[in-house]
Amino acid sequence: MVEKNRWLMALSAVGVHICIGSVYAWSVYVKPIQAQMNWDLTDVTIAFSVAIFFLGLSAALMGKFVEKNGPRVSAIIAASLFGLGTMGSGLAIMMESKLLLYFFYGVLGGCGLGIGYISPVSTLVKWFPDKRGMATGLAIMGFGFASAVWGPTIKILIEAVGISGTFFILGATYFVIMFASALYLEKPHDEYLPKRFEQKIKEGKKKIKEDLAFIGLNEAVKTPRFYGLWIMLFINITCGIAIIGVASPLLQEVLGMTAIAAAAAVGLMGIFNGAGRLIWASLSDYLTRPIVYVIFFATQIVAFYMLPSIKEIVVFQVVLYFIMTCYGGGFASIPAYIGDIFGTKELGAIHGYILTAWAAAGLVGPLIISMVKDATGSYSQTLYVFAGFFILAFIVSIAMIINIKSIQKKKLKHHNH
C-alpha cells in the first residue's frame, strides 16, 4: 500500500472547492438572465439564496454521512449533484421555468455545494496534523478565489454560446474536475504522521499538540464552545456579506468614486477575500486559533467604526481590503479550530453543523442592511450597527479562551492525580 501524497490531497481539495466556489460568480448571470427572461431581480436572486440555504442545510444533515463513508464517496456525490444542478439550470432557462431553476441551481446545486464543501476539509485536517490551519486555508482559499476564475469565463461563454449553453458546458466541466479530484481523496490511517514531523517529534524538536477533546457531534453540541464558534462565525459572515453587498454604493456614496472605479475595487475585494483565507489560517498555526479570532474582532470593531468617516480613497480601500481578509480568514480557520477543541472524530459533521451559521447569515445579513438603510437613509450608518455586532463577537472570543483554559486546567489536574 503506497501512501498517498498529502500535497496532492490538498490539490484535490482545491479542485473540488474551486468548482463549487463558482456559486459566488452568480451575479454575472443575473443581468443576462433578466434580459432574456424578462424576470425581475428578485426572481433571479432567489436561485442564489436557495443555493446558499441548501449549502448550509446539506452540510449540516450530511456531515455524519461524510464521516461514515469517507471523502471520496462524498465528493463524488457532490460532483454529481453540482454538475447536474448546473446543467439542469441550462434546461430550466431553455424551458423558461423559474421553479426548475430554483430546483436545479438552488436545491440540487446547493446540496452539491454543502457536501462538496465539507468532504475534503475534514480529511485535510487529518493529513496535516502539523499544519492544520494552512491545509484547510488552502482548500477554502480555492473557494474564495473561484469567482475570479469563473466570473470572466461565464461572461465570455454567455456571449459565445448563450446562457443555456454556458450552464451545459460549465456543468460538465465542474463534474469532470470534481470527479477527478474526488478519486484521489481518502482519509489517512489512524496513526498517520507526516515523516518529517514524526522525525522532529522523535528528536524532541516538536510536540504533538493534544486536542482539547475527542468527541462526536452529539456531545459537541452540548458544549458552550460549540455555540461560541457558531456565534463568532455568524457575526463574521453577516458583517462580511454586508460589506460585500454595500461596497459599491458605499464607495460611491462616501468617497464619490465612479461606478466603474467602484466595480474595480469590488473585484479586488474578492482577491483579498481569497488571500485572507490562506494567510490568516496559516498564521493561526503559530498564533493559535483562539487568538486569531480575538484579532479578527478587535480590529474589525475599529475598522467598521472608522470606515464612514475616512475620506482618503487609499486609506478607505486599505481598511476595506483588510476587512475582506478577516472575512475569508474566518471561514478558513474554523475547521482547524473545531479540530483543536473537539478532535477529529467527527470533524466533518461538526463543521457541517457550524456552517448553518453561514446559511443563517446569508438570510439575515442582507435583511439587517436594508432595514438599517431604510431607517437611517445611508449606508454608512449600517456600519456602526455592525461595529456593535463585533463587540459582541469579541466578548464571545474572549469567553472561548477562558473556557478552553479552564478545561485544560481540569485536564492537567486530572492528569497529575
Protein backbone atom coordinates (compact mmCIF):
# COMPACT_ATOMS: atom_id res chain seq x y z
CA MET A 1 0.00 0.00 0.00
CA VAL A 2 1.72 3.16 -1.23
CA GLU A 3 0.95 6.14 0.95
CA LYS A 4 -0.65 8.98 -0.93
CA ASN A 5 0.98 12.39 -1.21
CA ARG A 6 -0.67 14.82 1.18
CA TRP A 7 0.09 17.82 -1.06
CA LEU A 8 -1.78 16.14 -3.92
CA MET A 9 -4.53 15.55 -1.38
CA ALA A 10 -4.58 19.32 -0.75
CA LEU A 11 -4.64 19.93 -4.51
CA SER A 12 -7.63 17.59 -4.90
CA ALA A 13 -9.43 19.52 -2.17
CA VAL A 14 -8.71 22.75 -4.05
CA GLY A 15 -10.09 21.10 -7.21
CA VAL A 16 -13.42 20.43 -5.51
CA HIS A 17 -13.58 23.86 -3.87
CA ILE A 18 -12.67 25.89 -6.92
CA CYS A 19 -15.66 24.38 -8.76
CA ILE A 20 -18.28 24.82 -6.07
CA GLY A 21 -16.96 28.30 -5.30
CA SER A 22 -18.29 29.34 -8.71
CA VAL A 23 -21.57 29.95 -6.86
CA TYR A 24 -20.05 33.31 -5.93
CA ALA A 25 -19.96 34.29 -9.59
CA TRP A 26 -23.76 34.04 -9.75
CA SER A 27 -24.06 37.82 -10.14
CA VAL A 28 -22.52 37.50 -13.62
CA TYR A 29 -25.60 35.53 -14.74
CA VAL A 30 -28.10 37.97 -13.23
CA LYS A 31 -28.37 40.64 -15.94
CA PRO A 32 -28.24 38.26 -18.94
CA ILE A 33 -30.96 36.06 -17.39
CA GLN A 34 -33.09 39.12 -16.56
CA ALA A 35 -32.73 40.42 -20.12
CA GLN A 36 -33.52 37.10 -21.77
CA MET A 37 -36.36 36.01 -19.48
CA ASN A 38 -37.90 39.35 -18.51
CA TRP A 39 -37.72 38.29 -14.85
CA ASP A 40 -37.17 40.86 -12.14
CA LEU A 41 -34.07 40.99 -9.95
CA THR A 42 -35.71 39.19 -7.03
CA ASP A 43 -36.75 36.27 -9.26
CA VAL A 44 -33.15 35.71 -10.33
CA THR A 45 -31.59 36.34 -6.91
CA ILE A 46 -33.82 33.72 -5.26
CA ALA A 47 -31.85 30.99 -7.08
CA PHE A 48 -28.66 32.11 -5.32
CA SER A 49 -30.35 32.44 -1.91
CA VAL A 50 -31.85 28.95 -2.22
CA ALA A 51 -28.41 27.55 -3.13
CA ILE A 52 -26.76 29.12 -0.07
CA PHE A 53 -29.61 27.93 2.14
CA PHE A 54 -29.27 24.35 0.89
CA LEU A 55 -25.50 24.59 1.25
CA GLY A 56 -25.98 25.12 5.00
CA LEU A 57 -28.74 22.55 5.28
CA SER A 58 -26.92 19.77 3.40
CA ALA A 59 -23.62 20.46 5.18
CA ALA A 60 -25.44 20.01 8.50
CA LEU A 61 -27.51 16.97 7.54
CA MET A 62 -24.82 15.16 5.55
CA GLY A 63 -21.89 15.73 7.94
CA LYS A 64 -22.31 12.32 9.59
CA PHE A 65 -22.65 10.68 6.19
CA VAL A 66 -19.37 12.27 5.07
CA GLU A 67 -17.59 10.99 8.20
CA LYS A 68 -19.02 7.49 7.81
CA ASN A 69 -18.47 6.99 4.09
CA GLY A 70 -15.24 8.91 3.68
CA PRO A 71 -14.33 11.86 1.47
CA ARG A 72 -14.20 10.04 -1.87
CA VAL A 73 -17.80 8.81 -1.90
CA SER A 74 -19.00 12.17 -0.56
CA ALA A 75 -17.07 14.21 -3.10
CA ILE A 76 -18.34 12.01 -5.97
CA ILE A 77 -21.91 12.63 -4.79
CA ALA A 78 -21.12 16.34 -4.58
CA ALA A 79 -19.69 16.31 -8.12
CA SER A 80 -22.82 14.59 -9.44
CA LEU A 81 -25.24 16.93 -7.68
CA PHE A 82 -23.35 20.10 -8.52
CA GLY A 83 -22.70 19.10 -12.14
CA LEU A 84 -26.30 18.03 -12.63
CA GLY A 85 -27.59 21.15 -10.88
CA THR A 86 -25.58 23.42 -13.16
CA MET A 87 -26.52 21.55 -16.37
CA GLY A 88 -30.14 21.40 -15.21
CA SER A 89 -30.09 25.18 -14.87
CA GLY A 90 -29.43 25.31 -18.61
CA LEU A 91 -32.52 23.18 -19.16
CA ALA A 92 -34.53 25.49 -16.85
CA ILE A 93 -33.51 28.50 -18.95
CA MET A 94 -34.45 26.69 -22.17
CA MET A 95 -37.86 25.88 -20.70
CA GLU A 96 -38.15 29.38 -19.22
CA SER A 97 -39.06 27.92 -15.83
CA LYS A 98 -38.19 29.75 -12.62
CA LEU A 99 -39.17 26.79 -10.47
CA LEU A 100 -36.88 24.46 -12.40
CA LEU A 101 -34.04 26.95 -11.99
CA TYR A 102 -34.64 27.10 -8.24
CA PHE A 103 -34.74 23.30 -8.11
CA PHE A 104 -31.63 22.66 -10.20
CA TYR A 105 -29.38 25.55 -9.22
CA GLY A 106 -30.79 26.08 -5.74
CA VAL A 107 -31.70 22.67 -4.35
CA LEU A 108 -29.51 20.22 -6.30
CA GLY A 109 -26.60 22.62 -6.79
CA GLY A 110 -26.88 23.79 -3.19
CA CYS A 111 -26.72 20.23 -1.85
CA GLY A 112 -23.68 19.55 -4.03
CA LEU A 113 -22.17 22.72 -2.59
CA GLY A 114 -22.67 21.74 1.04
CA ILE A 115 -21.42 18.16 0.68
CA GLY A 116 -18.54 19.27 -1.55
CA TYR A 117 -17.55 21.97 0.91
CA ILE A 118 -17.14 19.74 3.97
CA SER A 119 -15.94 16.47 2.43
CA PRO A 120 -12.32 17.39 1.61
CA VAL A 121 -11.81 19.78 4.53
CA SER A 122 -12.10 17.33 7.44
CA THR A 123 -9.80 14.97 5.55
CA LEU A 124 -7.11 17.64 5.15
CA VAL A 125 -7.10 18.33 8.89
CA LYS A 126 -6.18 14.65 9.37
CA TRP A 127 -3.44 14.72 6.70
CA PHE A 128 -1.85 17.86 8.14
CA PRO A 129 -1.68 17.46 11.92
CA ASP A 130 1.32 19.81 11.89
CA LYS A 131 -0.24 22.49 9.64
CA ARG A 132 -3.97 22.27 10.21
CA GLY A 133 -4.76 25.90 9.54
CA MET A 134 -2.65 26.17 6.41
CA ALA A 135 -4.08 22.99 4.86
CA THR A 136 -7.72 23.94 5.33
CA GLY A 137 -6.86 27.51 4.38
CA LEU A 138 -5.58 26.24 1.03
CA ALA A 139 -8.80 24.43 0.12
CA ILE A 140 -11.08 27.18 1.35
CA MET A 141 -8.93 29.72 -0.47
CA GLY A 142 -9.87 27.87 -3.67
CA PHE A 143 -13.49 28.54 -2.81
CA GLY A 144 -12.78 32.22 -2.27
CA PHE A 145 -10.79 32.67 -5.48
CA ALA A 146 -13.25 30.73 -7.61
CA SER A 147 -15.33 33.73 -8.67
CA ALA A 148 -12.19 35.38 -10.07
CA VAL A 149 -11.71 32.31 -12.30
CA TRP A 150 -15.31 31.58 -13.29
CA GLY A 151 -16.70 35.13 -13.42
CA PRO A 152 -14.85 36.12 -16.63
CA THR A 153 -15.32 32.59 -18.05
CA ILE A 154 -19.10 32.81 -17.64
CA LYS A 155 -19.13 36.23 -19.29
CA ILE A 156 -17.17 35.03 -22.33
CA LEU A 157 -19.25 31.84 -22.65
CA ILE A 158 -22.59 33.66 -22.46
CA GLU A 159 -21.52 35.90 -25.35
CA ALA A 160 -20.35 32.87 -27.34
CA VAL A 161 -22.96 30.16 -26.69
CA GLY A 162 -25.80 31.83 -24.75
CA ILE A 163 -26.95 31.27 -21.18
CA SER A 164 -28.18 27.66 -21.52
CA GLY A 165 -25.05 26.65 -23.40
CA THR A 166 -22.93 28.20 -20.65
CA PHE A 167 -24.69 26.18 -17.98
CA PHE A 168 -24.28 22.96 -20.01
CA ILE A 169 -20.58 23.49 -20.67
CA LEU A 170 -19.74 24.57 -17.13
CA GLY A 171 -21.84 21.84 -15.52
CA ALA A 172 -19.89 19.23 -17.47
CA THR A 173 -16.58 20.96 -16.66
CA TYR A 174 -17.33 21.14 -12.94
CA PHE A 175 -18.32 17.48 -12.91
CA VAL A 176 -15.10 16.33 -14.60
CA ILE A 177 -12.79 18.41 -12.35
CA MET A 178 -14.64 17.45 -9.15
CA PHE A 179 -14.90 13.78 -10.08
CA ALA A 180 -11.19 13.57 -10.92
CA SER A 181 -10.32 15.32 -7.63
CA ALA A 182 -12.67 13.06 -5.66
CA LEU A 183 -10.92 9.91 -6.85
CA TYR A 184 -7.68 10.86 -5.08
CA LEU A 185 -9.28 11.83 -1.78
CA GLU A 186 -9.07 9.47 1.17
CA LYS A 187 -8.54 9.53 4.90
CA PRO A 188 -5.06 8.75 6.22
CA HIS A 189 -4.76 5.73 8.55
CA ASP A 190 -5.49 6.46 12.21
CA GLU A 191 -1.90 6.71 13.43
CA TYR A 192 -0.75 8.83 10.46
CA LEU A 193 2.00 11.40 10.98
CA PRO A 194 4.00 13.10 8.20
CA LYS A 195 7.53 11.63 8.03
CA ARG A 196 9.41 14.84 8.80
CA PHE A 197 7.05 15.77 11.59
CA GLU A 198 7.41 12.27 13.09
CA GLN A 199 11.20 12.66 12.92
CA LYS A 200 11.08 16.00 14.73
CA ILE A 201 8.88 14.52 17.45
CA LYS A 202 11.37 11.68 17.97
CA GLU A 203 14.18 14.23 18.23
CA GLY A 204 12.08 16.19 20.71
CA LYS A 205 12.00 19.29 18.47
CA LYS A 206 8.24 19.18 18.06
CA LYS A 207 5.38 18.09 20.28
CA ILE A 208 2.08 16.70 19.10
CA LYS A 209 -0.43 19.27 20.30
CA GLU A 210 -3.08 17.36 22.12
CA ASP A 211 -6.63 18.28 21.13
CA LEU A 212 -8.83 19.60 23.91
CA ALA A 213 -11.29 16.74 23.50
CA PHE A 214 -12.04 13.82 21.21
CA ILE A 215 -15.80 13.82 20.88
CA GLY A 216 -18.53 13.29 18.32
CA LEU A 217 -21.21 15.64 17.08
CA ASN A 218 -23.82 14.72 19.69
CA GLU A 219 -21.51 15.57 22.61
CA ALA A 220 -20.05 18.65 20.88
CA VAL A 221 -23.49 20.22 20.51
CA LYS A 222 -23.90 20.07 24.29
CA THR A 223 -20.84 22.26 24.99
CA PRO A 224 -20.84 26.07 25.19
CA ARG A 225 -17.76 26.06 22.91
CA PHE A 226 -19.89 24.85 20.01
CA TYR A 227 -22.24 27.83 20.33
CA GLY A 228 -19.30 30.17 20.79
CA LEU A 229 -17.90 29.06 17.42
CA TRP A 230 -21.34 29.36 15.83
CA ILE A 231 -21.90 32.93 17.06
CA MET A 232 -18.39 34.05 16.03
CA LEU A 233 -18.78 32.64 12.54
CA PHE A 234 -22.31 34.02 12.22
CA ILE A 235 -21.28 37.57 13.11
CA ASN A 236 -18.12 37.48 10.98
CA ILE A 237 -20.08 36.29 7.94
CA THR A 238 -23.08 38.59 8.47
CA CYS A 239 -20.85 41.67 8.59
CA GLY A 240 -18.67 40.42 5.73
CA ILE A 241 -21.64 39.69 3.47
CA ALA A 242 -22.96 43.13 4.40
CA ILE A 243 -19.73 44.80 3.28
CA ILE A 244 -19.67 42.79 0.05
CA GLY A 245 -23.26 43.81 -0.59
CA VAL A 246 -22.84 47.53 0.05
CA ALA A 247 -19.22 48.08 -1.02
CA SER A 248 -20.04 49.52 -4.42
CA PRO A 249 -22.75 52.02 -3.30
CA LEU A 250 -20.63 52.81 -0.23
CA LEU A 251 -17.56 53.72 -2.28
CA GLN A 252 -19.72 55.92 -4.46
CA GLU A 253 -21.63 57.49 -1.54
CA VAL A 254 -18.79 58.08 0.93
CA LEU A 255 -15.91 58.71 -1.47
CA GLY A 256 -17.69 59.82 -4.61
CA MET A 257 -15.99 57.14 -6.74
CA THR A 258 -17.42 56.45 -10.21
CA ALA A 259 -19.41 53.26 -10.71
CA ILE A 260 -16.61 51.75 -12.82
CA ALA A 261 -13.89 52.54 -10.27
CA ALA A 262 -16.10 51.11 -7.52
CA ALA A 263 -16.63 47.91 -9.53
CA ALA A 264 -12.85 47.51 -9.90
CA ALA A 265 -12.44 47.93 -6.14
CA VAL A 266 -15.10 45.29 -5.54
CA GLY A 267 -13.21 42.92 -7.86
CA LEU A 268 -10.08 43.44 -5.78
CA MET A 269 -12.08 42.62 -2.65
CA GLY A 270 -12.51 39.09 -3.99
CA ILE A 271 -8.74 38.70 -4.24
CA PHE A 272 -8.27 39.78 -0.61
CA ASN A 273 -11.11 37.54 0.49
CA GLY A 274 -9.27 34.60 -1.11
CA ALA A 275 -5.80 35.57 0.09
CA GLY A 276 -7.03 36.19 3.65
CA ARG A 277 -8.15 32.58 3.80
CA LEU A 278 -4.66 31.22 3.33
CA ILE A 279 -2.76 33.96 5.22
CA TRP A 280 -4.88 34.02 8.40
CA ALA A 281 -5.33 30.26 8.51
CA SER A 282 -1.56 29.74 8.18
CA LEU A 283 -0.94 32.37 10.85
CA SER A 284 -3.35 30.54 13.14
CA ASP A 285 -0.94 27.57 13.19
CA TYR A 286 1.52 29.84 15.02
CA LEU A 287 -0.68 32.30 16.93
CA THR A 288 -3.32 29.63 17.79
CA ARG A 289 -6.92 29.75 16.58
CA PRO A 290 -8.48 31.48 19.61
CA ILE A 291 -6.01 34.38 19.39
CA VAL A 292 -6.62 34.84 15.66
CA TYR A 293 -10.37 35.25 16.27
CA VAL A 294 -9.73 37.80 19.01
CA ILE A 295 -7.60 39.74 16.49
CA PHE A 296 -10.37 39.48 13.84
CA PHE A 297 -12.96 41.05 16.10
CA ALA A 298 -10.82 43.62 17.90
CA THR A 299 -9.54 45.04 14.60
CA GLN A 300 -12.91 44.94 12.86
CA ILE A 301 -14.67 46.87 15.66
CA VAL A 302 -12.25 49.71 14.89
CA ALA A 303 -12.41 49.22 11.10
CA PHE A 304 -16.22 49.30 10.86
CA TYR A 305 -16.47 52.20 13.25
CA MET A 306 -13.91 54.26 11.31
CA LEU A 307 -14.94 53.47 7.72
CA PRO A 308 -17.76 56.02 7.35
CA SER A 309 -15.51 58.90 8.42
CA ILE A 310 -12.50 58.04 6.21
CA LYS A 311 -12.31 60.43 3.29
CA GLU A 312 -8.97 59.29 1.81
CA ILE A 313 -9.64 56.89 -1.04
CA VAL A 314 -6.46 54.87 -0.44
CA VAL A 315 -6.94 54.56 3.32
CA PHE A 316 -10.59 53.63 2.82
CA GLN A 317 -9.64 50.85 0.41
CA VAL A 318 -6.89 49.52 2.67
CA VAL A 319 -9.37 49.22 5.55
CA LEU A 320 -11.96 47.66 3.25
CA TYR A 321 -9.48 45.05 1.95
CA PHE A 322 -8.32 44.29 5.48
CA ILE A 323 -11.95 43.57 6.45
CA MET A 324 -12.18 41.20 3.48
CA THR A 325 -9.11 39.24 4.63
CA CYS A 326 -10.78 38.79 8.03
CA TYR A 327 -14.00 37.67 6.34
CA GLY A 328 -12.15 34.98 4.37
CA GLY A 329 -9.91 34.10 7.29
CA GLY A 330 -12.93 33.46 9.49
CA PHE A 331 -14.14 30.73 7.14
CA ALA A 332 -10.72 29.17 6.74
CA SER A 333 -9.71 28.97 10.39
CA ILE A 334 -12.95 27.36 11.62
CA PRO A 335 -12.21 23.72 10.60
CA ALA A 336 -8.83 23.80 12.37
CA TYR A 337 -10.42 25.43 15.43
CA ILE A 338 -13.03 22.63 15.52
CA GLY A 339 -10.22 20.06 15.35
CA ASP A 340 -8.38 21.77 18.22
CA ILE A 341 -11.33 21.78 20.61
CA PHE A 342 -13.36 18.70 19.59
CA GLY A 343 -10.75 16.47 17.94
CA THR A 344 -11.04 14.82 14.52
CA LYS A 345 -13.52 12.09 15.48
CA GLU A 346 -16.47 13.68 13.64
CA LEU A 347 -14.92 16.90 12.40
CA GLY A 348 -16.88 16.96 9.14
CA ALA A 349 -20.18 16.55 10.96
CA ILE A 350 -19.43 19.29 13.50
CA HIS A 351 -18.15 21.56 10.71
CA GLY A 352 -21.39 20.93 8.82
CA TYR A 353 -23.48 21.96 11.83
CA ILE A 354 -21.44 25.11 12.39
CA LEU A 355 -21.85 26.08 8.73
CA THR A 356 -25.56 26.60 9.40
CA ALA A 357 -24.27 29.95 10.69
CA TRP A 358 -23.37 30.72 7.06
CA ALA A 359 -26.86 29.88 5.81
CA ALA A 360 -28.39 31.98 8.60
CA ALA A 361 -26.03 34.90 7.92
CA GLY A 362 -26.85 34.74 4.20
CA LEU A 363 -30.51 35.25 5.04
CA VAL A 364 -30.14 37.71 7.95
CA GLY A 365 -27.21 39.87 6.77
CA PRO A 366 -28.85 41.49 3.75
CA LEU A 367 -32.08 41.97 5.76
CA ILE A 368 -30.32 43.90 8.52
CA ILE A 369 -28.61 46.16 5.99
CA SER A 370 -31.80 47.06 4.16
CA MET A 371 -33.63 47.67 7.44
CA VAL A 372 -30.94 50.00 8.83
CA LYS A 373 -30.54 51.67 5.42
CA ASP A 374 -34.28 52.35 5.26
CA ALA A 375 -34.33 53.66 8.83
CA THR A 376 -31.24 55.90 8.59
CA GLY A 377 -31.18 56.69 4.88
CA SER A 378 -27.49 55.95 4.42
CA TYR A 379 -25.17 53.00 4.04
CA SER A 380 -22.56 54.45 6.36
CA GLN A 381 -24.93 54.23 9.35
CA THR A 382 -25.25 50.46 8.85
CA LEU A 383 -21.54 50.14 9.60
CA TYR A 384 -21.98 51.43 13.16
CA VAL A 385 -24.55 48.70 13.78
CA PHE A 386 -22.06 46.10 12.57
CA ALA A 387 -19.30 47.57 14.75
CA GLY A 388 -21.69 46.86 17.63
CA PHE A 389 -22.07 43.24 16.49
CA PHE A 390 -18.30 42.84 16.51
CA ILE A 391 -18.17 43.97 20.15
CA LEU A 392 -20.42 41.01 20.96
CA ALA A 393 -18.23 38.67 18.86
CA PHE A 394 -15.13 40.00 20.64
CA ILE A 395 -16.66 39.19 24.05
CA VAL A 396 -17.52 35.67 22.83
CA SER A 397 -13.97 35.12 21.52
CA ILE A 398 -12.52 36.07 24.93
CA ALA A 399 -15.05 33.78 26.67
CA MET A 400 -13.87 30.94 24.38
CA ILE A 401 -10.27 31.40 25.58
CA ILE A 402 -11.35 31.42 29.23
CA ASN A 403 -13.46 28.28 28.66
CA ILE A 404 -10.62 26.43 26.88
CA LYS A 405 -8.10 27.41 29.58
CA SER A 406 -10.36 26.14 32.37
CA ILE A 407 -10.80 22.79 30.59
CA GLN A 408 -7.03 22.49 30.08
CA LYS A 409 -6.50 23.15 33.82
CA LYS A 410 -9.02 20.44 34.72
CA LYS A 411 -7.28 18.01 32.35
CA LEU A 412 -3.89 18.80 33.90
CA LYS A 413 -5.23 18.26 37.42
CA HIS A 414 -6.80 15.00 36.37
CA HIS A 415 -3.58 14.02 34.62
CA ASN A 416 -1.42 14.71 37.67
CA HIS A 417 -3.60 12.79 40.09
